[in-house]
All heavy atoms as atom14 arrays in JSON, in Angstrom:
{
  "sequence": "DGIYRFYHGSFKVYWLQELTERIVAQLRQVMPEREPDPRFTHIL",
  "atom14_mask": [
    [1, 1, 1, 1, 1, 1, 1, 1, 0, 0, 0, 0, 0, 0],
    [1, 1, 1, 1, 0, 0, 0, 0, 0, 0, 0, 0, 0, 0],
    [1, 1, 1, 1, 1, 1, 1, 1, 0, 0, 0, 0, 0, 0],
    [1, 1, 1, 1, 1, 1, 1, 1, 1, 1, 1, 1, 0, 0],
    [1, 1, 1, 1, 1, 1, 1, 1, 1, 1, 1, 0, 0, 0],
    [1, 1, 1, 1, 1, 1, 1, 1, 1, 1, 1, 0, 0, 0],
    [1, 1, 1, 1, 1, 1, 1, 1, 1, 1, 1, 1, 0, 0],
    [1, 1, 1, 1, 1, 1, 1, 1, 1, 1, 0, 0, 0, 0],
    [1, 1, 1, 1, 0, 0, 0, 0, 0, 0, 0, 0, 0, 0],
    [1, 1, 1, 1, 1, 1, 0, 0, 0, 0, 0, 0, 0, 0],
    [1, 1, 1, 1, 1, 1, 1, 1, 1, 1, 1, 0, 0, 0],
    [1, 1, 1, 1, 1, 1, 1, 1, 1, 0, 0, 0, 0, 0],
    [1, 1, 1, 1, 1, 1, 1, 0, 0, 0, 0, 0, 0, 0],
    [1, 1, 1, 1, 1, 1, 1, 1, 1, 1, 1, 1, 0, 0],
    [1, 1, 1, 1, 1, 1, 1, 1, 1, 1, 1, 1, 1, 1],
    [1, 1, 1, 1, 1, 1, 1, 1, 0, 0, 0, 0, 0, 0],
    [1, 1, 1, 1, 1, 1, 1, 1, 1, 0, 0, 0, 0, 0],
    [1, 1, 1, 1, 1, 1, 1, 1, 1, 0, 0, 0, 0, 0],
    [1, 1, 1, 1, 1, 1, 1, 1, 0, 0, 0, 0, 0, 0],
    [1, 1, 1, 1, 1, 1, 1, 0, 0, 0, 0, 0, 0, 0],
    [1, 1, 1, 1, 1, 1, 1, 1, 1, 0, 0, 0, 0, 0],
    [1, 1, 1, 1, 1, 1, 1, 1, 1, 1, 1, 0, 0, 0],
    [1, 1, 1, 1, 1, 1, 1, 1, 0, 0, 0, 0, 0, 0],
    [1, 1, 1, 1, 1, 1, 1, 0, 0, 0, 0, 0, 0, 0],
    [1, 1, 1, 1, 1, 0, 0, 0, 0, 0, 0, 0, 0, 0],
    [1, 1, 1, 1, 1, 1, 1, 1, 1, 0, 0, 0, 0, 0],
    [1, 1, 1, 1, 1, 1, 1, 1, 0, 0, 0, 0, 0, 0],
    [1, 1, 1, 1, 1, 1, 1, 1, 1, 1, 1, 0, 0, 0],
    [1, 1, 1, 1, 1, 1, 1, 1, 1, 0, 0, 0, 0, 0],
    [1, 1, 1, 1, 1, 1, 1, 0, 0, 0, 0, 0, 0, 0],
    [1, 1, 1, 1, 1, 1, 1, 1, 0, 0, 0, 0, 0, 0],
    [1, 1, 1, 1, 1, 1, 1, 0, 0, 0, 0, 0, 0, 0],
    [1, 1, 1, 1, 1, 1, 1, 1, 1, 0, 0, 0, 0, 0],
    [1, 1, 1, 1, 1, 1, 1, 1, 1, 1, 1, 0, 0, 0],
    [1, 1, 1, 1, 1, 1, 1, 1, 1, 0, 0, 0, 0, 0],
    [1, 1, 1, 1, 1, 1, 1, 0, 0, 0, 0, 0, 0, 0],
    [1, 1, 1, 1, 1, 1, 1, 1, 0, 0, 0, 0, 0, 0],
    [1, 1, 1, 1, 1, 1, 1, 0, 0, 0, 0, 0, 0, 0],
    [1, 1, 1, 1, 1, 1, 1, 1, 1, 1, 1, 0, 0, 0],
    [1, 1, 1, 1, 1, 1, 1, 1, 1, 1, 1, 0, 0, 0],
    [1, 1, 1, 1, 1, 1, 1, 0, 0, 0, 0, 0, 0, 0],
    [1, 1, 1, 1, 1, 1, 1, 1, 1, 1, 0, 0, 0, 0],
    [1, 1, 1, 1, 1, 1, 1, 1, 0, 0, 0, 0, 0, 0],
    [1, 1, 1, 1, 1, 1, 1, 1, 0, 0, 0, 0, 0, 0]
  ],
  "atom14_positions": [
    [[-64.52, 2.87, 51.82], [-64.35, 3.99, 50.9], [-64.35, 3.53, 49.45], [-64.92, 4.2, 48.58], [-63.04, 4.72, 51.21], [-62.9, 5.99, 50.41], [-63.72, 6.91, 50.61], [-61.99, 6.05, 49.56], [0.0, 0.0, 0.0], [0.0, 0.0, 0.0], [0.0, 0.0, 0.0], [0.0, 0.0, 0.0], [0.0, 0.0, 0.0], [0.0, 0.0, 0.0]],
    [[-63.74, 2.38, 49.17], [-63.72, 1.88, 47.8], [-65.11, 1.63, 47.24], [-65.4, 1.94, 46.08], [0.0, 0.0, 0.0], [0.0, 0.0, 0.0], [0.0, 0.0, 0.0], [0.0, 0.0, 0.0], [0.0, 0.0, 0.0], [0.0, 0.0, 0.0], [0.0, 0.0, 0.0], [0.0, 0.0, 0.0], [0.0, 0.0, 0.0], [0.0, 0.0, 0.0]],
    [[-65.98, 1.1, 48.07], [-67.36, 0.84, 47.63], [-68.1, 2.16, 47.47], [-68.83, 2.36, 46.5], [-68.05, -0.12, 48.61], [-67.35, -1.48, 48.56], [-69.54, -0.25, 48.29], [-67.65, -2.4, 49.69], [0.0, 0.0, 0.0], [0.0, 0.0, 0.0], [0.0, 0.0, 0.0], [0.0, 0.0, 0.0], [0.0, 0.0, 0.0], [0.0, 0.0, 0.0]],
    [[-67.88, 3.07, 48.4], [-68.47, 4.41, 48.27], [-68.03, 5.05, 46.95], [-68.83, 5.65, 46.23], [-68.08, 5.28, 49.46], [-68.09, 6.75, 49.16], [-69.3, 7.42, 48.96], [-66.91, 7.48, 49.03], [-69.31, 8.79, 48.65], [-66.92, 8.82, 48.73], [-68.12, 9.48, 48.55], [-68.12, 10.8, 48.23], [0.0, 0.0, 0.0], [0.0, 0.0, 0.0]],
    [[-66.75, 4.89, 46.61], [-66.22, 5.52, 45.39], [-66.9, 4.99, 44.13], [-67.02, 5.71, 43.14], [-64.71, 5.33, 45.29], [-63.95, 5.98, 46.41], [-64.15, 7.47, 46.44], [-63.49, 8.05, 47.61], [-63.37, 9.34, 47.81], [-63.85, 10.2, 46.93], [-62.79, 9.79, 48.9], [0.0, 0.0, 0.0], [0.0, 0.0, 0.0], [0.0, 0.0, 0.0]],
    [[-67.34, 3.76, 44.16], [-68.09, 3.2, 43.04], [-69.35, 4.03, 42.82], [-69.66, 4.46, 41.7], [-68.45, 1.73, 43.31], [-69.46, 1.17, 42.36], [-69.08, 0.76, 41.09], [-70.79, 1.03, 42.73], [-70.01, 0.23, 40.2], [-71.71, 0.5, 41.85], [-71.32, 0.1, 40.59], [0.0, 0.0, 0.0], [0.0, 0.0, 0.0], [0.0, 0.0, 0.0]],
    [[-70.09, 4.28, 43.9], [-71.34, 5.03, 43.79], [-71.09, 6.51, 43.54], [-71.91, 7.18, 42.91], [-72.2, 4.82, 45.03], [-72.78, 3.43, 45.06], [-72.19, 2.42, 45.8], [-73.89, 3.11, 44.28], [-72.7, 1.13, 45.79], [-74.4, 1.82, 44.26], [-73.8, 0.85, 45.02], [-74.31, -0.42, 44.99], [0.0, 0.0, 0.0], [0.0, 0.0, 0.0]],
    [[-69.97, 7.0, 43.98], [-69.61, 8.41, 43.79], [-69.1, 8.66, 42.38], [-69.05, 9.81, 41.93], [-68.55, 8.8, 44.83], [-68.2, 10.24, 44.84], [-69.11, 11.23, 45.12], [-67.01, 10.86, 44.61], [-68.51, 12.41, 45.05], [-67.23, 12.21, 44.75], [0.0, 0.0, 0.0], [0.0, 0.0, 0.0], [0.0, 0.0, 0.0], [0.0, 0.0, 0.0]],
    [[-68.73, 7.6, 41.67], [-68.19, 7.76, 40.33], [-66.74, 8.19, 40.34], [-66.28, 8.85, 39.39], [0.0, 0.0, 0.0], [0.0, 0.0, 0.0], [0.0, 0.0, 0.0], [0.0, 0.0, 0.0], [0.0, 0.0, 0.0], [0.0, 0.0, 0.0], [0.0, 0.0, 0.0], [0.0, 0.0, 0.0], [0.0, 0.0, 0.0], [0.0, 0.0, 0.0]],
    [[-66.01, 7.8, 41.38], [-64.61, 8.21, 41.51], [-63.67, 7.1, 41.06], [-63.88, 5.93, 41.34], [-64.32, 8.54, 42.98], [-62.93, 8.67, 43.2], [0.0, 0.0, 0.0], [0.0, 0.0, 0.0], [0.0, 0.0, 0.0], [0.0, 0.0, 0.0], [0.0, 0.0, 0.0], [0.0, 0.0, 0.0], [0.0, 0.0, 0.0], [0.0, 0.0, 0.0]],
    [[-62.59, 7.53, 40.41], [-61.56, 6.58, 39.97], [-60.96, 5.81, 41.15], [-60.35, 4.77, 40.97], [-60.45, 7.31, 39.21], [-59.57, 8.15, 40.08], [-58.41, 7.63, 40.64], [-59.91, 9.47, 40.38], [-57.59, 8.4, 41.44], [-59.11, 10.23, 41.2], [-57.95, 9.7, 41.73], [0.0, 0.0, 0.0], [0.0, 0.0, 0.0], [0.0, 0.0, 0.0]],
    [[-61.15, 6.28, 42.37], [-60.58, 5.62, 43.54], [-61.17, 4.23, 43.78], [-60.59, 3.45, 44.54], [-60.74, 6.49, 44.78], [-59.89, 7.75, 44.7], [-60.08, 8.63, 45.91], [-59.25, 9.9, 45.78], [-59.47, 10.8, 46.91], [0.0, 0.0, 0.0], [0.0, 0.0, 0.0], [0.0, 0.0, 0.0], [0.0, 0.0, 0.0], [0.0, 0.0, 0.0]],
    [[-62.27, 3.9, 43.12], [-62.79, 2.54, 43.2], [-61.75, 1.55, 42.68], [-61.69, 0.41, 43.12], [-64.13, 2.39, 42.44], [-63.94, 2.49, 40.94], [-64.8, 1.06, 42.78], [0.0, 0.0, 0.0], [0.0, 0.0, 0.0], [0.0, 0.0, 0.0], [0.0, 0.0, 0.0], [0.0, 0.0, 0.0], [0.0, 0.0, 0.0], [0.0, 0.0, 0.0]],
    [[-60.9, 2.0, 41.77], [-59.86, 1.15, 41.2], [-58.87, 0.68, 42.27], [-58.22, -0.34, 42.11], [-59.11, 1.88, 40.08], [-59.9, 1.95, 38.8], [-60.96, 2.84, 38.65], [-59.6, 1.11, 37.73], [-61.69, 2.9, 37.49], [-60.32, 1.17, 36.55], [-61.38, 2.06, 36.43], [-62.1, 2.11, 35.27], [0.0, 0.0, 0.0], [0.0, 0.0, 0.0]],
    [[-58.76, 1.43, 43.37], [-57.83, 1.07, 44.43], [-58.22, -0.23, 45.13], [-57.39, -0.87, 45.77], [-57.72, 2.2, 45.43], [-57.1, 3.46, 44.86], [-56.55, 3.62, 43.61], [-57.0, 4.73, 45.5], [-56.11, 4.91, 43.44], [-56.38, 5.62, 44.59], [-57.38, 5.21, 46.73], [-56.12, 6.94, 44.9], [-57.13, 6.53, 47.04], [-56.49, 7.38, 46.13]],
    [[-59.5, -0.62, 45.03], [-59.93, -1.89, 45.63], [-59.2, -3.09, 45.03], [-59.09, -4.13, 45.67], [-61.44, -2.09, 45.45], [-62.34, -1.53, 46.52], [-63.8, -1.82, 46.16], [-62.02, -2.06, 47.89], [0.0, 0.0, 0.0], [0.0, 0.0, 0.0], [0.0, 0.0, 0.0], [0.0, 0.0, 0.0], [0.0, 0.0, 0.0], [0.0, 0.0, 0.0]],
    [[-58.72, -2.94, 43.81], [-58.04, -4.05, 43.14], [-56.82, -4.5, 43.93], [-56.54, -5.71, 44.0], [-57.61, -3.64, 41.73], [-58.78, -3.34, 40.81], [-58.28, -2.83, 39.48], [-58.14, -3.59, 38.54], [-58.0, -1.54, 39.41], [0.0, 0.0, 0.0], [0.0, 0.0, 0.0], [0.0, 0.0, 0.0], [0.0, 0.0, 0.0], [0.0, 0.0, 0.0]],
    [[-56.12, -3.58, 44.54], [-54.91, -3.93, 45.29], [-55.27, -4.81, 46.49], [-54.62, -5.83, 46.75], [-54.2, -2.65, 45.75], [-52.87, -2.9, 46.42], [-52.98, -3.03, 47.94], [-53.91, -2.45, 48.53], [-52.13, -3.73, 48.52], [0.0, 0.0, 0.0], [0.0, 0.0, 0.0], [0.0, 0.0, 0.0], [0.0, 0.0, 0.0], [0.0, 0.0, 0.0]],
    [[-56.34, -4.46, 47.21], [-56.77, -5.27, 48.35], [-57.27, -6.63, 47.87], [-56.95, -7.65, 48.48], [-57.87, -4.53, 49.13], [-58.42, -5.22, 50.36], [-57.31, -5.59, 51.34], [-59.46, -4.32, 51.03], [0.0, 0.0, 0.0], [0.0, 0.0, 0.0], [0.0, 0.0, 0.0], [0.0, 0.0, 0.0], [0.0, 0.0, 0.0], [0.0, 0.0, 0.0]],
    [[-58.0, -6.66, 46.79], [-58.47, -7.93, 46.23], [-57.29, -8.84, 45.9], [-57.3, -10.02, 46.23], [-59.31, -7.67, 44.96], [-60.42, -6.84, 45.31], [-59.81, -8.96, 44.34], [0.0, 0.0, 0.0], [0.0, 0.0, 0.0], [0.0, 0.0, 0.0], [0.0, 0.0, 0.0], [0.0, 0.0, 0.0], [0.0, 0.0, 0.0], [0.0, 0.0, 0.0]],
    [[-56.28, -8.3, 45.26], [-55.11, -9.1, 44.88], [-54.35, -9.6, 46.11], [-53.85, -10.72, 46.12], [-54.2, -8.29, 43.95], [-54.84, -8.1, 42.59], [-54.12, -7.08, 41.71], [-53.28, -6.3, 42.23], [-54.41, -7.06, 40.51], [0.0, 0.0, 0.0], [0.0, 0.0, 0.0], [0.0, 0.0, 0.0], [0.0, 0.0, 0.0], [0.0, 0.0, 0.0]],
    [[-54.3, -8.79, 47.16], [-53.64, -9.24, 48.4], [-54.42, -10.37, 49.07], [-53.83, -11.31, 49.58], [-53.48, -8.06, 49.35], [-52.37, -7.13, 48.9], [-51.96, -6.1, 49.93], [-52.55, -6.3, 51.22], [-53.11, -5.34, 51.95], [-53.16, -4.11, 51.52], [-53.62, -5.59, 53.12], [0.0, 0.0, 0.0], [0.0, 0.0, 0.0], [0.0, 0.0, 0.0]],
    [[-55.75, -10.26, 49.04], [-56.58, -11.33, 49.6], [-56.31, -12.63, 48.86], [-56.08, -13.68, 49.47], [-58.08, -10.97, 49.51], [-58.42, -9.79, 50.41], [-58.95, -12.18, 49.87], [-59.8, -9.2, 50.15], [0.0, 0.0, 0.0], [0.0, 0.0, 0.0], [0.0, 0.0, 0.0], [0.0, 0.0, 0.0], [0.0, 0.0, 0.0], [0.0, 0.0, 0.0]],
    [[-56.34, -12.57, 47.55], [-56.15, -13.77, 46.74], [-54.76, -14.35, 46.96], [-54.6, -15.56, 47.1], [-56.43, -13.49, 45.26], [-56.09, -14.69, 44.39], [-57.9, -13.09, 45.07], [0.0, 0.0, 0.0], [0.0, 0.0, 0.0], [0.0, 0.0, 0.0], [0.0, 0.0, 0.0], [0.0, 0.0, 0.0], [0.0, 0.0, 0.0], [0.0, 0.0, 0.0]],
    [[-53.76, -13.51, 47.03], [-52.4, -14.0, 47.27], [-52.32, -14.73, 48.61], [-51.69, -15.79, 48.71], [-51.4, -12.83, 47.24], [0.0, 0.0, 0.0], [0.0, 0.0, 0.0], [0.0, 0.0, 0.0], [0.0, 0.0, 0.0], [0.0, 0.0, 0.0], [0.0, 0.0, 0.0], [0.0, 0.0, 0.0], [0.0, 0.0, 0.0], [0.0, 0.0, 0.0]],
    [[-52.98, -14.18, 49.63], [-52.95, -14.83, 50.94], [-53.72, -16.15, 50.92], [-53.28, -17.14, 51.49], [-53.51, -13.89, 52.01], [-53.27, -14.4, 53.4], [-51.8, -14.6, 53.71], [-50.99, -13.7, 53.51], [-51.43, -15.77, 54.18], [0.0, 0.0, 0.0], [0.0, 0.0, 0.0], [0.0, 0.0, 0.0], [0.0, 0.0, 0.0], [0.0, 0.0, 0.0]],
    [[-54.86, -16.17, 50.26], [-55.63, -17.42, 50.16], [-54.84, -18.48, 49.39], [-54.89, -19.66, 49.74], [-56.98, -17.16, 49.48], [-58.01, -16.39, 50.32], [-59.21, -16.02, 49.46], [-58.43, -17.19, 51.55], [0.0, 0.0, 0.0], [0.0, 0.0, 0.0], [0.0, 0.0, 0.0], [0.0, 0.0, 0.0], [0.0, 0.0, 0.0], [0.0, 0.0, 0.0]],
    [[-54.12, -18.07, 48.4], [-53.3, -19.02, 47.64], [-52.18, -19.6, 48.49], [-51.78, -20.75, 48.31], [-52.75, -18.37, 46.38], [-53.87, -18.09, 45.35], [-53.29, -17.68, 44.07], [-52.69, -18.86, 43.47], [-52.73, -19.18, 42.2], [-53.38, -18.4, 41.37], [-52.14, -20.26, 41.74], [0.0, 0.0, 0.0], [0.0, 0.0, 0.0], [0.0, 0.0, 0.0]],
    [[-51.67, -18.82, 49.43], [-50.62, -19.3, 50.32], [-51.1, -20.42, 51.24], [-50.3, -21.22, 51.71], [-50.05, -18.16, 51.16], [-49.14, -17.23, 50.4], [-47.95, -17.99, 49.83], [-47.26, -18.72, 50.52], [-47.7, -17.81, 48.53], [0.0, 0.0, 0.0], [0.0, 0.0, 0.0], [0.0, 0.0, 0.0], [0.0, 0.0, 0.0], [0.0, 0.0, 0.0]],
    [[-52.4, -20.48, 51.48], [-52.96, -21.52, 52.34], [-52.71, -22.9, 51.72], [-52.32, -23.84, 52.41], [-54.46, -21.28, 52.6], [-55.1, -22.47, 53.3], [-54.68, -20.0, 53.4], [0.0, 0.0, 0.0], [0.0, 0.0, 0.0], [0.0, 0.0, 0.0], [0.0, 0.0, 0.0], [0.0, 0.0, 0.0], [0.0, 0.0, 0.0], [0.0, 0.0, 0.0]],
    [[-52.93, -23.01, 50.43], [-52.73, -24.27, 49.69], [-52.06, -23.92, 48.36], [-52.7, -23.93, 47.31], [-54.07, -24.97, 49.43], [-54.84, -25.39, 50.66], [-54.25, -26.9, 51.43], [-54.9, -28.16, 50.35], [0.0, 0.0, 0.0], [0.0, 0.0, 0.0], [0.0, 0.0, 0.0], [0.0, 0.0, 0.0], [0.0, 0.0, 0.0], [0.0, 0.0, 0.0]],
    [[-50.78, -23.59, 48.37], [-50.12, -23.11, 47.15], [-50.09, -24.12, 46.01], [-49.96, -23.73, 44.85], [-48.71, -22.74, 47.61], [-48.53, -23.4, 48.92], [-49.88, -23.64, 49.51], [0.0, 0.0, 0.0], [0.0, 0.0, 0.0], [0.0, 0.0, 0.0], [0.0, 0.0, 0.0], [0.0, 0.0, 0.0], [0.0, 0.0, 0.0], [0.0, 0.0, 0.0]],
    [[-50.24, -25.38, 46.31], [-50.22, -26.4, 45.26], [-51.57, -26.54, 44.56], [-51.66, -27.24, 43.56], [-49.79, -27.76, 45.86], [-50.81, -28.39, 46.8], [-50.83, -27.78, 48.22], [-50.07, -26.83, 48.5], [-51.64, -28.26, 49.02], [0.0, 0.0, 0.0], [0.0, 0.0, 0.0], [0.0, 0.0, 0.0], [0.0, 0.0, 0.0], [0.0, 0.0, 0.0]],
    [[-52.6, -25.84, 45.05], [-53.94, -25.93, 44.47], [-54.27, -24.65, 43.71], [-53.98, -23.55, 44.18], [-54.99, -26.15, 45.56], [-54.72, -27.21, 46.57], [-54.97, -28.59, 46.19], [-56.2, -28.84, 45.47], [-56.55, -30.05, 45.09], [-55.79, -31.08, 45.38], [-57.65, -30.25, 44.42], [0.0, 0.0, 0.0], [0.0, 0.0, 0.0], [0.0, 0.0, 0.0]],
    [[-54.86, -24.8, 42.55], [-55.31, -23.63, 41.78], [-56.72, -23.25, 42.23], [-57.56, -24.13, 42.45], [-55.34, -23.96, 40.28], [-53.96, -24.08, 39.67], [-53.16, -22.79, 39.74], [-53.73, -21.71, 39.51], [-51.96, -22.87, 40.04], [0.0, 0.0, 0.0], [0.0, 0.0, 0.0], [0.0, 0.0, 0.0], [0.0, 0.0, 0.0], [0.0, 0.0, 0.0]],
    [[-57.01, -21.95, 42.34], [-58.38, -21.54, 42.69], [-59.38, -21.99, 41.63], [-59.03, -22.21, 40.47], [-58.29, -20.03, 42.75], [-56.86, -19.72, 42.97], [-56.11, -20.82, 42.27], [0.0, 0.0, 0.0], [0.0, 0.0, 0.0], [0.0, 0.0, 0.0], [0.0, 0.0, 0.0], [0.0, 0.0, 0.0], [0.0, 0.0, 0.0], [0.0, 0.0, 0.0]],
    [[-60.62, -22.09, 42.06], [-61.72, -22.47, 41.18], [-61.71, -21.62, 39.91], [-61.51, -20.4, 39.97], [-63.04, -22.25, 41.94], [-64.23, -22.67, 41.12], [-64.62, -23.84, 41.18], [-64.78, -21.79, 40.41], [0.0, 0.0, 0.0], [0.0, 0.0, 0.0], [0.0, 0.0, 0.0], [0.0, 0.0, 0.0], [0.0, 0.0, 0.0], [0.0, 0.0, 0.0]],
    [[-61.91, -22.24, 38.74], [-61.87, -21.48, 37.47], [-62.92, -20.38, 37.38], [-62.68, -19.34, 36.76], [-62.11, -22.54, 36.4], [-61.98, -23.86, 37.05], [-62.06, -23.67, 38.52], [0.0, 0.0, 0.0], [0.0, 0.0, 0.0], [0.0, 0.0, 0.0], [0.0, 0.0, 0.0], [0.0, 0.0, 0.0], [0.0, 0.0, 0.0], [0.0, 0.0, 0.0]],
    [[-64.08, -20.57, 38.02], [-65.1, -19.5, 38.0], [-64.6, -18.3, 38.77], [-64.75, -17.15, 38.33], [-66.42, -20.02, 38.58], [-67.06, -21.07, 37.67], [-68.09, -21.85, 38.39], [-67.4, -22.77, 39.33], [-67.93, -23.86, 39.82], [-69.17, -24.18, 39.51], [-67.25, -24.63, 40.64], [0.0, 0.0, 0.0], [0.0, 0.0, 0.0], [0.0, 0.0, 0.0]],
    [[-63.98, -18.55, 39.91], [-63.41, -17.46, 40.69], [-62.29, -16.77, 39.9], [-62.22, -15.55, 39.85], [-62.87, -17.96, 42.03], [-62.18, -16.89, 42.8], [-62.9, -15.95, 43.5], [-60.79, -16.79, 42.79], [-62.26, -14.93, 44.2], [-60.14, -15.78, 43.48], [-60.88, -14.85, 44.18], [0.0, 0.0, 0.0], [0.0, 0.0, 0.0], [0.0, 0.0, 0.0]],
    [[-61.45, -17.56, 39.28], [-60.34, -17.01, 38.49], [-60.85, -16.11, 37.38], [-60.28, -15.06, 37.1], [-59.47, -18.15, 37.93], [-59.01, -18.95, 39.03], [-58.28, -17.63, 37.17], [0.0, 0.0, 0.0], [0.0, 0.0, 0.0], [0.0, 0.0, 0.0], [0.0, 0.0, 0.0], [0.0, 0.0, 0.0], [0.0, 0.0, 0.0], [0.0, 0.0, 0.0]],
    [[-61.95, -16.51, 36.76], [-62.57, -15.7, 35.7], [-63.04, -14.35, 36.27], [-62.78, -13.29, 35.68], [-63.73, -16.47, 35.08], [-64.42, -15.74, 33.99], [-64.03, -15.84, 32.67], [-65.47, -14.89, 34.0], [-64.81, -15.09, 31.92], [-65.7, -14.5, 32.71], [0.0, 0.0, 0.0], [0.0, 0.0, 0.0], [0.0, 0.0, 0.0], [0.0, 0.0, 0.0]],
    [[-63.72, -14.39, 37.4], [-64.21, -13.16, 38.04], [-63.03, -12.28, 38.41], [-63.05, -11.06, 38.19], [-65.06, -13.5, 39.28], [-66.38, -14.14, 38.84], [-65.33, -12.27, 40.13], [-67.16, -14.81, 39.96], [0.0, 0.0, 0.0], [0.0, 0.0, 0.0], [0.0, 0.0, 0.0], [0.0, 0.0, 0.0], [0.0, 0.0, 0.0], [0.0, 0.0, 0.0]],
    [[-61.98, -12.88, 38.96], [-60.8, -12.13, 39.36], [-60.13, -11.48, 38.15], [-59.75, -10.3, 38.21], [-59.82, -13.07, 40.06], [-58.57, -12.44, 40.61], [-58.91, -11.5, 41.76], [-57.59, -13.5, 41.06], [0.0, 0.0, 0.0], [0.0, 0.0, 0.0], [0.0, 0.0, 0.0], [0.0, 0.0, 0.0], [0.0, 0.0, 0.0], [0.0, 0.0, 0.0]]
  ]
}
C-alpha cells in the first residue's frame, strides 16, 4: 500500500518511513557495535 500511495499521490506514502526505521533498527541489533555503511546512512 505504501508504494501504491506514492503513485496515487497520497500522504500515506510517508507511513513507509516507520517500517524503514524498524528494519534499520533490527539490522543494527545484529551487530550493534558496527555503524552502517555511510552511503546507506545518507540514503536513510
